[in-house]
N, C-alpha and C. Protein backbone atom coordinates (compact mmCIF):
# COMPACT_ATOMS: atom_id res chain seq x y z
N MET A 1 0.74 -1.35 -0.21
CA MET A 1 -0.25 0.10 -0.14
C MET A 1 0.62 1.70 0.11
N LYS A 2 1.73 1.25 0.84
CA LYS A 2 2.91 2.41 1.03
C LYS A 2 3.53 2.56 -0.48
N ARG A 3 3.79 1.41 -1.06
CA ARG A 3 4.63 1.83 -2.83
C ARG A 3 3.17 2.08 -3.69
N PHE A 4 1.99 2.06 -3.31
CA PHE A 4 0.66 2.44 -4.39
C PHE A 4 0.76 3.76 -4.14
N GLY A 5 0.84 4.65 -2.73
CA GLY A 5 0.91 5.75 -2.27
C GLY A 5 2.06 6.70 -2.67
N PHE A 6 3.26 6.09 -2.84
CA PHE A 6 4.58 6.47 -3.20
C PHE A 6 4.20 6.87 -4.57
N ALA A 7 4.00 5.83 -5.51
CA ALA A 7 3.55 5.92 -6.94
C ALA A 7 2.72 6.80 -7.21
N VAL A 8 1.66 6.70 -6.65
CA VAL A 8 0.56 8.11 -7.10
C VAL A 8 1.04 9.60 -6.64
N GLY A 9 1.88 9.27 -5.69
CA GLY A 9 3.13 10.81 -5.12
C GLY A 9 3.90 11.53 -6.33
N LEU A 10 4.43 10.00 -6.65
CA LEU A 10 5.49 10.42 -8.06
C LEU A 10 4.57 10.77 -9.13
N VAL A 11 3.59 10.09 -9.66
CA VAL A 11 3.24 10.35 -10.70
C VAL A 11 2.66 12.20 -10.24
N LEU A 12 1.84 12.33 -9.42
CA LEU A 12 1.47 13.95 -9.28
C LEU A 12 2.65 14.69 -9.70
N LEU A 13 3.64 14.53 -8.80
CA LEU A 13 4.17 15.23 -8.74
C LEU A 13 5.10 15.92 -10.03
N VAL A 14 5.41 14.76 -10.59
CA VAL A 14 5.88 14.73 -12.32
C VAL A 14 4.57 15.45 -13.33
N PHE A 15 3.55 15.42 -12.61
CA PHE A 15 2.63 16.36 -13.90
C PHE A 15 2.51 17.41 -13.26
N ALA A 16 2.49 17.86 -11.48
CA ALA A 16 2.82 19.12 -11.23
C ALA A 16 4.00 19.66 -12.43
N VAL A 17 5.04 19.41 -11.72
CA VAL A 17 6.25 19.83 -12.43
C VAL A 17 6.24 20.37 -14.07
N SER A 18 5.28 19.26 -14.76
CA SER A 18 5.47 19.16 -16.07
C SER A 18 4.28 20.54 -16.57
N LEU A 19 3.20 20.62 -15.72
CA LEU A 19 2.20 21.41 -15.81
C LEU A 19 2.81 23.30 -15.72
N TRP A 20 4.16 23.23 -14.66
CA TRP A 20 4.56 24.37 -14.46
C TRP A 20 5.46 24.69 -15.28
N ALA A 21 6.03 23.66 -15.76
CA ALA A 21 7.32 24.16 -16.83
C ALA A 21 6.36 24.54 -18.14
N GLN A 22 5.21 24.35 -18.37
CA GLN A 22 4.41 24.53 -19.85
C GLN A 22 4.21 26.13 -19.52
N THR A 23 3.32 25.99 -18.11
CA THR A 23 2.98 27.89 -18.25
C THR A 23 3.97 28.75 -17.70
N THR A 24 5.55 28.70 -17.63
CA THR A 24 6.76 29.51 -17.07
C THR A 24 7.48 29.92 -18.20
N VAL A 25 7.39 28.95 -19.37
CA VAL A 25 7.87 29.15 -20.18
C VAL A 25 8.45 30.34 -21.23
N PRO A 26 9.08 31.39 -21.01
CA PRO A 26 8.57 32.36 -21.47
C PRO A 26 8.77 32.60 -22.76
N LYS A 27 8.19 33.37 -24.05
CA LYS A 27 7.97 33.58 -25.30
C LYS A 27 8.64 35.24 -25.75
N PRO A 28 9.13 34.75 -26.86
CA PRO A 28 9.62 36.05 -27.62
C PRO A 28 8.13 37.36 -27.63
N ASP A 29 8.21 38.75 -27.35
CA ASP A 29 7.83 39.94 -27.53
C ASP A 29 7.04 39.75 -28.65
N PRO A 30 5.83 40.25 -28.82
CA PRO A 30 5.20 40.49 -30.28
C PRO A 30 6.12 41.58 -30.87
N GLU A 31 6.29 42.37 -29.87
CA GLU A 31 6.77 43.85 -30.51
C GLU A 31 7.98 43.50 -31.54
N LEU A 32 9.02 42.66 -30.80
CA LEU A 32 10.21 42.01 -32.17
C LEU A 32 9.75 41.36 -33.06
N ASN A 33 8.73 41.13 -32.91
CA ASN A 33 8.03 40.24 -34.54
C ASN A 33 7.81 41.42 -35.30
N LYS A 34 7.93 42.14 -35.16
CA LYS A 34 7.34 43.87 -36.28
C LYS A 34 9.01 43.69 -37.15
N LEU A 35 10.25 43.25 -36.65
CA LEU A 35 11.74 43.41 -37.46
C LEU A 35 11.62 42.31 -38.36
N GLY A 36 10.62 41.00 -38.05
CA GLY A 36 10.52 40.02 -38.99
C GLY A 36 10.24 40.40 -40.43
N VAL A 37 10.18 41.92 -41.04
CA VAL A 37 10.16 41.52 -42.30
C VAL A 37 11.79 42.12 -42.91
N MET A 38 12.71 42.28 -41.92
CA MET A 38 13.99 42.54 -42.12
C MET A 38 14.62 41.25 -42.04
N VAL A 39 14.52 40.35 -41.76
CA VAL A 39 14.73 38.47 -42.00
C VAL A 39 15.28 38.54 -43.65
N GLY A 40 16.26 37.97 -43.66
CA GLY A 40 16.69 37.27 -44.95
C GLY A 40 18.30 38.28 -45.23
N HIS A 41 18.24 37.76 -46.69
CA HIS A 41 19.62 37.96 -47.08
C HIS A 41 20.00 39.28 -48.00
N TRP A 42 20.19 40.21 -47.84
CA TRP A 42 20.05 41.46 -48.19
C TRP A 42 21.34 42.18 -49.07
N THR A 43 20.97 42.87 -49.82
CA THR A 43 22.28 43.01 -51.01
C THR A 43 22.10 45.03 -50.70
N TYR A 44 23.17 45.62 -50.58
CA TYR A 44 22.67 47.27 -50.97
C TYR A 44 23.73 47.86 -51.75
N GLU A 45 23.12 49.22 -51.65
CA GLU A 45 24.51 49.48 -52.42
C GLU A 45 24.03 50.94 -51.75
N GLY A 46 25.03 52.38 -51.47
CA GLY A 46 24.73 53.57 -51.42
C GLY A 46 25.75 54.21 -51.21
N GLU A 47 25.68 55.46 -50.75
CA GLU A 47 26.55 56.58 -50.64
C GLU A 47 26.71 57.54 -49.60
N TYR A 48 28.15 57.39 -48.85
CA TYR A 48 28.58 58.62 -47.81
C TYR A 48 28.30 59.82 -48.23
N LEU A 49 28.11 60.98 -47.41
CA LEU A 49 28.65 62.12 -47.37
C LEU A 49 29.66 62.81 -46.51
N ALA A 50 30.74 63.71 -46.83
CA ALA A 50 31.79 63.39 -45.93
C ALA A 50 31.43 63.86 -44.74
N SER A 51 31.68 63.74 -43.63
CA SER A 51 31.35 63.21 -42.16
C SER A 51 32.40 63.69 -41.09
N PRO A 52 32.86 63.45 -40.06
CA PRO A 52 33.55 63.72 -38.91
C PRO A 52 34.16 62.28 -39.09
N LEU A 53 33.17 60.94 -39.15
CA LEU A 53 33.36 59.85 -39.48
C LEU A 53 34.61 59.36 -40.47
N GLY A 54 34.79 60.37 -41.32
CA GLY A 54 35.66 59.94 -42.89
C GLY A 54 35.12 61.00 -44.40
N PRO A 55 35.77 60.48 -45.21
CA PRO A 55 35.17 60.95 -46.64
C PRO A 55 34.21 60.27 -46.74
N GLY A 56 33.38 60.69 -48.04
CA GLY A 56 32.22 60.80 -48.45
C GLY A 56 32.51 59.51 -49.88
N GLY A 57 31.91 58.87 -49.94
CA GLY A 57 31.85 57.98 -51.40
C GLY A 57 31.19 56.71 -51.37
N LYS A 58 30.93 55.65 -52.29
CA LYS A 58 30.16 54.85 -52.76
C LYS A 58 29.81 53.63 -51.55
N ALA A 59 29.35 52.37 -51.89
CA ALA A 59 29.48 52.04 -50.91
C ALA A 59 28.58 50.42 -51.13
N LYS A 60 29.28 49.42 -51.23
CA LYS A 60 28.49 48.16 -51.64
C LYS A 60 28.42 47.32 -50.49
N GLY A 61 27.42 46.54 -50.24
CA GLY A 61 27.53 45.50 -49.16
C GLY A 61 26.64 44.35 -49.25
N GLU A 62 26.19 43.80 -47.92
CA GLU A 62 25.54 42.45 -47.77
C GLU A 62 25.00 42.48 -46.29
N GLU A 63 23.94 42.02 -46.31
CA GLU A 63 23.67 41.70 -44.79
C GLU A 63 22.42 40.39 -44.57
N PHE A 64 22.98 39.93 -43.83
CA PHE A 64 22.54 38.50 -42.99
C PHE A 64 21.49 38.75 -41.88
N ILE A 65 20.30 38.78 -42.06
CA ILE A 65 19.50 39.21 -40.68
C ILE A 65 18.58 37.70 -40.06
N GLN A 66 18.72 37.01 -39.37
CA GLN A 66 18.16 36.16 -38.99
C GLN A 66 17.44 36.09 -37.14
N TRP A 67 16.61 35.74 -36.98
CA TRP A 67 16.36 35.27 -35.71
C TRP A 67 16.62 34.04 -35.13
N ILE A 68 17.38 34.43 -33.67
CA ILE A 68 18.03 33.70 -32.89
C ILE A 68 17.71 33.29 -31.77
N LEU A 69 18.48 32.23 -30.96
CA LEU A 69 18.04 31.58 -29.63
C LEU A 69 16.25 31.79 -29.50
N GLY A 70 15.54 31.36 -30.46
CA GLY A 70 14.37 30.94 -29.95
C GLY A 70 13.40 32.14 -29.87
N GLY A 71 13.68 33.12 -31.47
CA GLY A 71 13.15 34.21 -31.91
C GLY A 71 13.41 35.21 -30.86
N PHE A 72 13.85 34.90 -29.60
CA PHE A 72 14.14 36.29 -28.33
C PHE A 72 15.11 37.09 -28.84
N PHE A 73 15.59 37.28 -30.23
CA PHE A 73 16.69 37.84 -30.37
C PHE A 73 16.97 38.12 -32.12
N LEU A 74 17.16 38.93 -32.39
CA LEU A 74 17.19 38.97 -34.28
C LEU A 74 18.84 39.32 -34.24
N GLN A 75 19.61 38.59 -35.11
CA GLN A 75 20.90 38.80 -35.51
C GLN A 75 21.31 39.32 -37.31
N ASP A 76 21.70 40.68 -37.07
CA ASP A 76 22.49 41.37 -38.21
C ASP A 76 23.64 41.26 -38.50
N LEU A 77 24.51 40.67 -39.04
CA LEU A 77 25.65 40.52 -40.00
C LEU A 77 26.27 40.99 -40.66
N GLU A 78 26.89 42.45 -40.99
CA GLU A 78 27.18 42.93 -42.18
C GLU A 78 28.29 42.62 -42.87
N ILE A 79 28.65 42.95 -44.21
CA ILE A 79 30.14 42.90 -44.73
C ILE A 79 29.52 43.74 -45.36
N GLU A 80 30.56 45.28 -45.98
CA GLU A 80 30.56 46.63 -46.88
C GLU A 80 32.29 46.62 -47.22
N LYS A 81 32.10 47.03 -48.67
CA LYS A 81 33.20 47.35 -49.18
C LYS A 81 33.11 48.97 -49.72
N GLY A 82 33.71 49.90 -48.89
CA GLY A 82 33.61 51.72 -49.63
C GLY A 82 35.07 52.17 -49.88
N ALA A 83 34.63 52.97 -49.83
CA ALA A 83 36.30 53.65 -49.66
C ALA A 83 37.17 54.04 -48.61
N LEU A 84 36.87 53.32 -47.70
CA LEU A 84 37.86 52.88 -46.46
C LEU A 84 38.17 51.97 -46.51
N GLY A 85 37.68 51.41 -47.36
CA GLY A 85 38.04 49.74 -47.05
C GLY A 85 36.95 48.66 -46.87
N GLU A 86 37.31 47.56 -46.43
CA GLU A 86 36.03 46.49 -45.89
C GLU A 86 36.03 47.08 -44.54
N MET A 87 34.47 46.82 -44.46
CA MET A 87 33.91 46.94 -42.99
C MET A 87 33.08 45.50 -42.80
N ARG A 88 33.22 44.84 -41.50
CA ARG A 88 32.18 44.00 -40.84
C ARG A 88 31.34 44.38 -39.62
N GLY A 89 30.44 44.00 -39.57
CA GLY A 89 29.57 44.16 -38.27
C GLY A 89 28.54 43.44 -37.67
N ALA A 90 28.14 43.37 -36.80
CA ALA A 90 27.48 42.56 -36.08
C ALA A 90 26.65 43.14 -35.22
N LEU A 91 24.98 43.34 -35.36
CA LEU A 91 24.18 43.80 -34.49
C LEU A 91 23.18 42.70 -33.97
N LEU A 92 22.58 43.37 -32.60
CA LEU A 92 21.21 42.28 -31.79
C LEU A 92 20.36 43.21 -31.58
N TYR A 93 19.37 42.02 -32.04
CA TYR A 93 18.35 43.32 -31.68
C TYR A 93 17.44 42.47 -30.42
N ALA A 94 17.00 43.18 -29.48
CA ALA A 94 16.00 42.11 -28.64
C ALA A 94 14.60 43.15 -27.95
N TYR A 95 14.00 42.51 -27.35
CA TYR A 95 12.99 43.47 -26.89
C TYR A 95 13.23 43.26 -25.41
N ASP A 96 13.22 44.66 -24.85
CA ASP A 96 13.57 44.84 -23.33
C ASP A 96 12.13 45.42 -22.50
N PRO A 97 11.69 44.12 -21.92
CA PRO A 97 10.64 44.75 -21.26
C PRO A 97 10.56 45.45 -19.90
N VAL A 98 11.95 45.70 -19.50
CA VAL A 98 11.44 47.24 -18.79
C VAL A 98 11.02 48.39 -19.45
N SER A 99 12.15 48.79 -20.47
CA SER A 99 11.95 50.10 -20.95
C SER A 99 11.02 50.12 -22.32
N LYS A 100 10.40 48.53 -21.90
CA LYS A 100 9.19 48.92 -23.18
C LYS A 100 10.10 48.72 -24.80
N ASN A 101 10.89 49.08 -25.32
CA ASN A 101 11.70 49.08 -26.35
C ASN A 101 12.35 47.90 -27.35
N ILE A 102 12.40 47.99 -28.11
CA ILE A 102 13.18 47.00 -29.10
C ILE A 102 15.00 47.91 -28.75
N VAL A 103 15.97 47.41 -28.76
CA VAL A 103 16.99 48.02 -28.22
C VAL A 103 18.14 46.56 -28.82
N SER A 104 19.33 47.70 -29.68
CA SER A 104 19.92 46.81 -30.25
C SER A 104 21.17 47.40 -29.40
N SER A 105 22.18 46.29 -29.97
CA SER A 105 23.61 46.57 -29.46
C SER A 105 24.64 46.01 -30.41
N GLY A 106 25.69 46.92 -31.03
CA GLY A 106 26.74 46.25 -32.08
C GLY A 106 27.94 45.98 -31.84
N LEU A 107 28.74 45.53 -33.00
CA LEU A 107 30.32 46.26 -32.88
C LEU A 107 30.62 46.11 -34.58
N GLY A 108 31.40 46.80 -34.63
CA GLY A 108 31.97 46.90 -36.01
C GLY A 108 33.64 46.60 -35.84
N SER A 109 33.90 46.27 -37.21
CA SER A 109 35.71 46.27 -37.66
C SER A 109 36.30 47.22 -37.41
N ASP A 110 35.82 48.59 -37.21
CA ASP A 110 36.29 49.55 -37.13
C ASP A 110 36.69 49.99 -35.84
N GLY A 111 36.05 48.80 -34.88
CA GLY A 111 36.05 49.53 -33.25
C GLY A 111 34.92 49.98 -32.57
N GLY A 112 34.16 50.66 -33.16
CA GLY A 112 33.20 50.94 -32.99
C GLY A 112 31.88 50.37 -31.85
N PRO A 113 31.67 50.32 -30.97
CA PRO A 113 30.71 49.93 -30.52
C PRO A 113 29.40 50.83 -30.96
N ALA A 114 28.01 50.35 -31.30
CA ALA A 114 26.79 51.03 -31.27
C ALA A 114 25.81 50.41 -30.67
N SER A 115 24.88 51.67 -30.14
CA SER A 115 23.42 51.10 -29.04
C SER A 115 22.31 51.88 -29.81
N GLY A 116 21.19 51.27 -29.57
CA GLY A 116 20.23 52.29 -29.86
C GLY A 116 18.65 51.63 -29.72
N ILE A 117 18.02 52.33 -30.00
CA ILE A 117 16.75 51.86 -29.67
C ILE A 117 15.93 52.27 -31.24
N VAL A 118 15.02 50.86 -31.48
CA VAL A 118 14.44 50.71 -32.55
C VAL A 118 13.11 51.06 -32.40
N LYS A 119 12.05 51.68 -32.99
CA LYS A 119 10.66 52.01 -33.40
C LYS A 119 9.92 51.69 -34.89
N VAL A 120 8.98 50.50 -34.85
CA VAL A 120 8.28 50.64 -36.15
C VAL A 120 7.15 51.21 -35.68
N SER A 121 6.62 51.47 -37.07
CA SER A 121 5.70 52.32 -37.19
C SER A 121 5.00 52.22 -39.08
N GLY A 122 4.12 51.13 -39.28
CA GLY A 122 4.20 50.70 -40.89
C GLY A 122 5.04 49.69 -41.24
N ASN A 123 5.60 50.86 -42.26
CA ASN A 123 6.49 50.10 -42.93
C ASN A 123 7.74 50.71 -42.61
N ALA A 124 8.02 51.70 -41.55
CA ALA A 124 8.95 52.66 -41.76
C ALA A 124 9.51 52.07 -39.91
N ILE A 125 10.78 51.48 -40.05
CA ILE A 125 12.04 51.07 -39.26
C ILE A 125 12.41 52.35 -38.60
N THR A 126 12.84 52.89 -37.44
CA THR A 126 13.65 53.93 -37.61
C THR A 126 14.76 53.58 -36.01
N TRP A 127 15.75 53.31 -36.23
CA TRP A 127 16.74 53.28 -34.94
C TRP A 127 17.33 54.29 -35.19
N GLU A 128 17.69 54.82 -33.68
CA GLU A 128 18.14 55.79 -33.38
C GLU A 128 19.27 55.58 -31.95
N GLY A 129 20.67 55.91 -31.97
CA GLY A 129 21.46 55.31 -31.07
C GLY A 129 22.79 56.02 -31.13
N LYS A 130 23.69 55.64 -30.70
CA LYS A 130 25.45 55.71 -30.43
C LYS A 130 26.23 55.08 -30.99
N TYR A 131 26.88 55.91 -31.89
CA TYR A 131 28.10 54.98 -32.40
C TYR A 131 30.04 55.42 -32.23
N ALA A 132 30.55 54.84 -31.53
CA ALA A 132 31.76 55.35 -30.94
C ALA A 132 32.87 55.18 -32.18
N PHE A 133 33.23 56.18 -33.22
CA PHE A 133 34.52 55.92 -34.03
C PHE A 133 35.84 57.32 -33.23
N GLY A 134 36.86 56.50 -33.94
CA GLY A 134 38.16 56.95 -33.04
C GLY A 134 38.07 57.93 -31.91
N GLY A 135 37.70 57.23 -30.98
CA GLY A 135 37.27 57.45 -29.46
C GLY A 135 36.41 58.81 -29.34
N LYS A 136 35.31 58.96 -30.19
CA LYS A 136 34.48 60.11 -30.25
C LYS A 136 33.06 59.05 -30.32
N GLU A 137 32.46 59.81 -29.43
CA GLU A 137 30.72 59.37 -29.68
C GLU A 137 29.79 60.06 -30.35
N ASN A 138 29.25 59.72 -31.66
CA ASN A 138 28.63 60.20 -32.27
C ASN A 138 26.98 59.97 -32.45
N LEU A 139 25.83 60.97 -32.45
CA LEU A 139 24.34 60.05 -32.50
C LEU A 139 24.24 59.67 -33.91
N LEU A 140 23.62 58.55 -33.96
CA LEU A 140 23.15 58.61 -35.36
C LEU A 140 21.73 57.99 -35.94
N LYS A 141 20.64 58.63 -36.74
CA LYS A 141 19.33 57.70 -37.12
C LYS A 141 19.35 57.53 -38.24
N ALA A 142 18.80 56.02 -38.15
CA ALA A 142 18.78 55.57 -39.54
C ALA A 142 17.17 55.13 -39.63
N THR A 143 16.40 55.74 -41.05
CA THR A 143 15.18 55.58 -41.03
C THR A 143 15.20 54.95 -42.31
N TYR A 144 14.31 53.24 -42.43
CA TYR A 144 14.26 51.99 -43.51
C TYR A 144 12.44 52.34 -43.60
N ILE A 145 12.92 52.42 -45.08
CA ILE A 145 11.14 52.40 -45.50
C ILE A 145 11.29 51.29 -46.24
N VAL A 146 10.14 50.04 -45.89
CA VAL A 146 10.21 48.76 -46.81
C VAL A 146 9.45 48.82 -47.47
N ALA A 147 9.57 48.37 -48.61
CA ALA A 147 8.72 48.39 -49.67
C ALA A 147 7.46 46.92 -49.04
N ALA A 148 6.52 47.25 -50.25
CA ALA A 148 4.81 46.58 -49.85
C ALA A 148 5.37 44.83 -49.94
N ASP A 149 6.32 44.72 -50.86
CA ASP A 149 6.36 43.54 -50.93
C ASP A 149 7.45 42.89 -50.45
N LEU A 150 8.09 43.04 -49.51
CA LEU A 150 8.97 43.23 -48.46
C LEU A 150 10.36 42.54 -49.50
N MET A 151 10.55 42.99 -50.23
CA MET A 151 11.93 42.76 -50.85
C MET A 151 12.97 44.23 -51.32
N SER A 152 12.06 45.16 -50.96
CA SER A 152 13.43 46.60 -51.17
C SER A 152 13.44 47.18 -50.19
N MET A 153 14.03 48.36 -49.75
CA MET A 153 13.73 48.99 -48.83
C MET A 153 15.25 50.23 -48.89
N THR A 154 14.55 51.25 -48.54
CA THR A 154 15.77 52.36 -48.78
C THR A 154 15.79 52.62 -47.25
N GLN A 155 17.27 53.05 -47.19
CA GLN A 155 17.50 53.53 -45.83
C GLN A 155 18.15 55.31 -46.03
N LYS A 156 18.17 55.92 -44.91
CA LYS A 156 18.70 57.42 -44.92
C LYS A 156 19.20 57.33 -43.42
N VAL A 157 20.28 57.68 -43.17
CA VAL A 157 21.14 57.99 -41.92
C VAL A 157 21.58 59.24 -41.88
N GLU A 158 21.49 59.75 -40.77
CA GLU A 158 21.38 61.37 -40.19
C GLU A 158 22.46 60.95 -39.15
N ILE A 159 23.55 62.15 -38.87
CA ILE A 159 24.62 62.18 -38.05
C ILE A 159 24.27 63.50 -37.06
N SER A 160 25.07 63.78 -36.21
CA SER A 160 25.01 64.12 -35.14
C SER A 160 25.94 64.00 -34.58
N VAL A 161 27.18 65.30 -34.36
CA VAL A 161 28.55 65.24 -33.44
C VAL A 161 28.04 65.97 -31.89
N ASP A 162 26.84 66.95 -31.80
CA ASP A 162 26.50 67.39 -30.75
C ASP A 162 25.03 66.87 -30.18
N GLY A 163 24.36 66.41 -30.62
CA GLY A 163 23.17 65.77 -30.40
C GLY A 163 21.89 67.13 -30.44
N LYS A 164 22.31 68.30 -31.35
CA LYS A 164 21.51 69.90 -31.88
C LYS A 164 21.34 69.87 -33.11
N THR A 165 22.53 69.43 -34.41
CA THR A 165 22.29 69.50 -35.18
C THR A 165 22.73 68.25 -36.28
N TRP A 166 21.84 68.01 -37.26
CA TRP A 166 22.25 66.90 -37.91
C TRP A 166 22.25 66.84 -38.81
N ALA A 167 23.25 66.10 -40.10
CA ALA A 167 23.61 66.15 -40.90
C ALA A 167 22.92 64.95 -42.00
N PRO A 168 22.54 64.71 -43.37
CA PRO A 168 22.87 63.41 -44.14
C PRO A 168 24.15 62.66 -43.98
N PHE A 169 23.78 61.53 -43.79
CA PHE A 169 25.70 60.60 -43.54
C PHE A 169 25.52 59.68 -44.81
N PHE A 170 24.39 59.20 -44.68
CA PHE A 170 24.11 57.53 -45.60
C PHE A 170 22.83 57.61 -46.00
N ASP A 171 22.77 57.43 -47.39
CA ASP A 171 21.41 56.55 -48.17
C ASP A 171 21.94 55.23 -48.89
N ALA A 172 21.10 54.79 -49.01
CA ALA A 172 21.33 52.94 -49.54
C ALA A 172 20.20 52.99 -50.05
N ILE A 173 20.08 52.20 -50.98
CA ILE A 173 18.64 50.78 -51.26
C ILE A 173 19.16 49.16 -51.60
N PHE A 174 18.21 49.09 -50.35
CA PHE A 174 18.32 47.57 -50.47
C PHE A 174 17.63 47.03 -51.17
N THR A 175 18.32 45.63 -51.26
CA THR A 175 17.11 44.28 -52.26
C THR A 175 17.33 42.98 -51.96
N LYS A 176 16.41 42.79 -51.23
CA LYS A 176 16.51 40.79 -50.74
C LYS A 176 16.80 40.07 -51.90
N ALA A 177 18.38 39.35 -51.58
CA ALA A 177 18.63 38.51 -52.33
C ALA A 177 17.91 37.33 -52.11
N LYS A 178 17.72 36.49 -51.11
CA LYS A 178 16.83 35.51 -50.62
C LYS A 178 16.29 35.72 -49.05
N PRO A 179 15.59 35.13 -49.02
CA PRO A 179 14.66 35.02 -47.35
C PRO A 179 16.09 33.90 -46.53
N ALA A 180 15.67 34.46 -45.81
CA ALA A 180 16.65 33.61 -44.75
C ALA A 180 16.48 32.09 -43.69
N PRO A 181 16.75 31.20 -43.62
CA PRO A 181 16.32 30.48 -43.18
C PRO A 181 15.15 30.60 -41.64
N LYS A 182 14.51 29.72 -41.53
CA LYS A 182 13.71 30.03 -40.24
C LYS A 182 14.22 29.21 -39.07
N THR A 183 15.05 30.17 -38.25
CA THR A 183 15.96 29.48 -37.18
C THR A 183 14.92 29.81 -35.64
N LYS A 184 13.93 29.93 -35.82
CA LYS A 184 13.12 30.94 -34.26
C LYS A 184 13.23 29.28 -33.78
């Protein structure tokens, strides 16, 4: 009889733990899913204007954007060739439940860290943040306008060294080369 009671208790314990585990598994915030339109392999061509970060010039690049870690993060890996040579970068996007914002953090092969906040409104995605280059912090605003067919987008970037005055910095046209594999 004791074995039966122990077995029933064990079964109830396993069931309770299983039920608890199912109800406490976190899920990615739907706000971050709004960036899903950017998932895929993109190519782009653009032009930099002369700025505190260097001379102007044409640039070509590729971005590989995919969901990682169960869809809690969006990873953006970039390779660009332009007037200053080859540049590589990595950005991670996540939803911050404390600030209730989509946040990003990244690094560039030029040694510059970047961090910012992302807002999505309809087909417009804006990134506003800080980028360190050459020992100085610069402020950047980037606006992406995604086409209705989700196969192209434009990007306009502005720069500020003082937080008051803004100047055009980079314009680009992106074309989706192929969708990224789903890795959520």
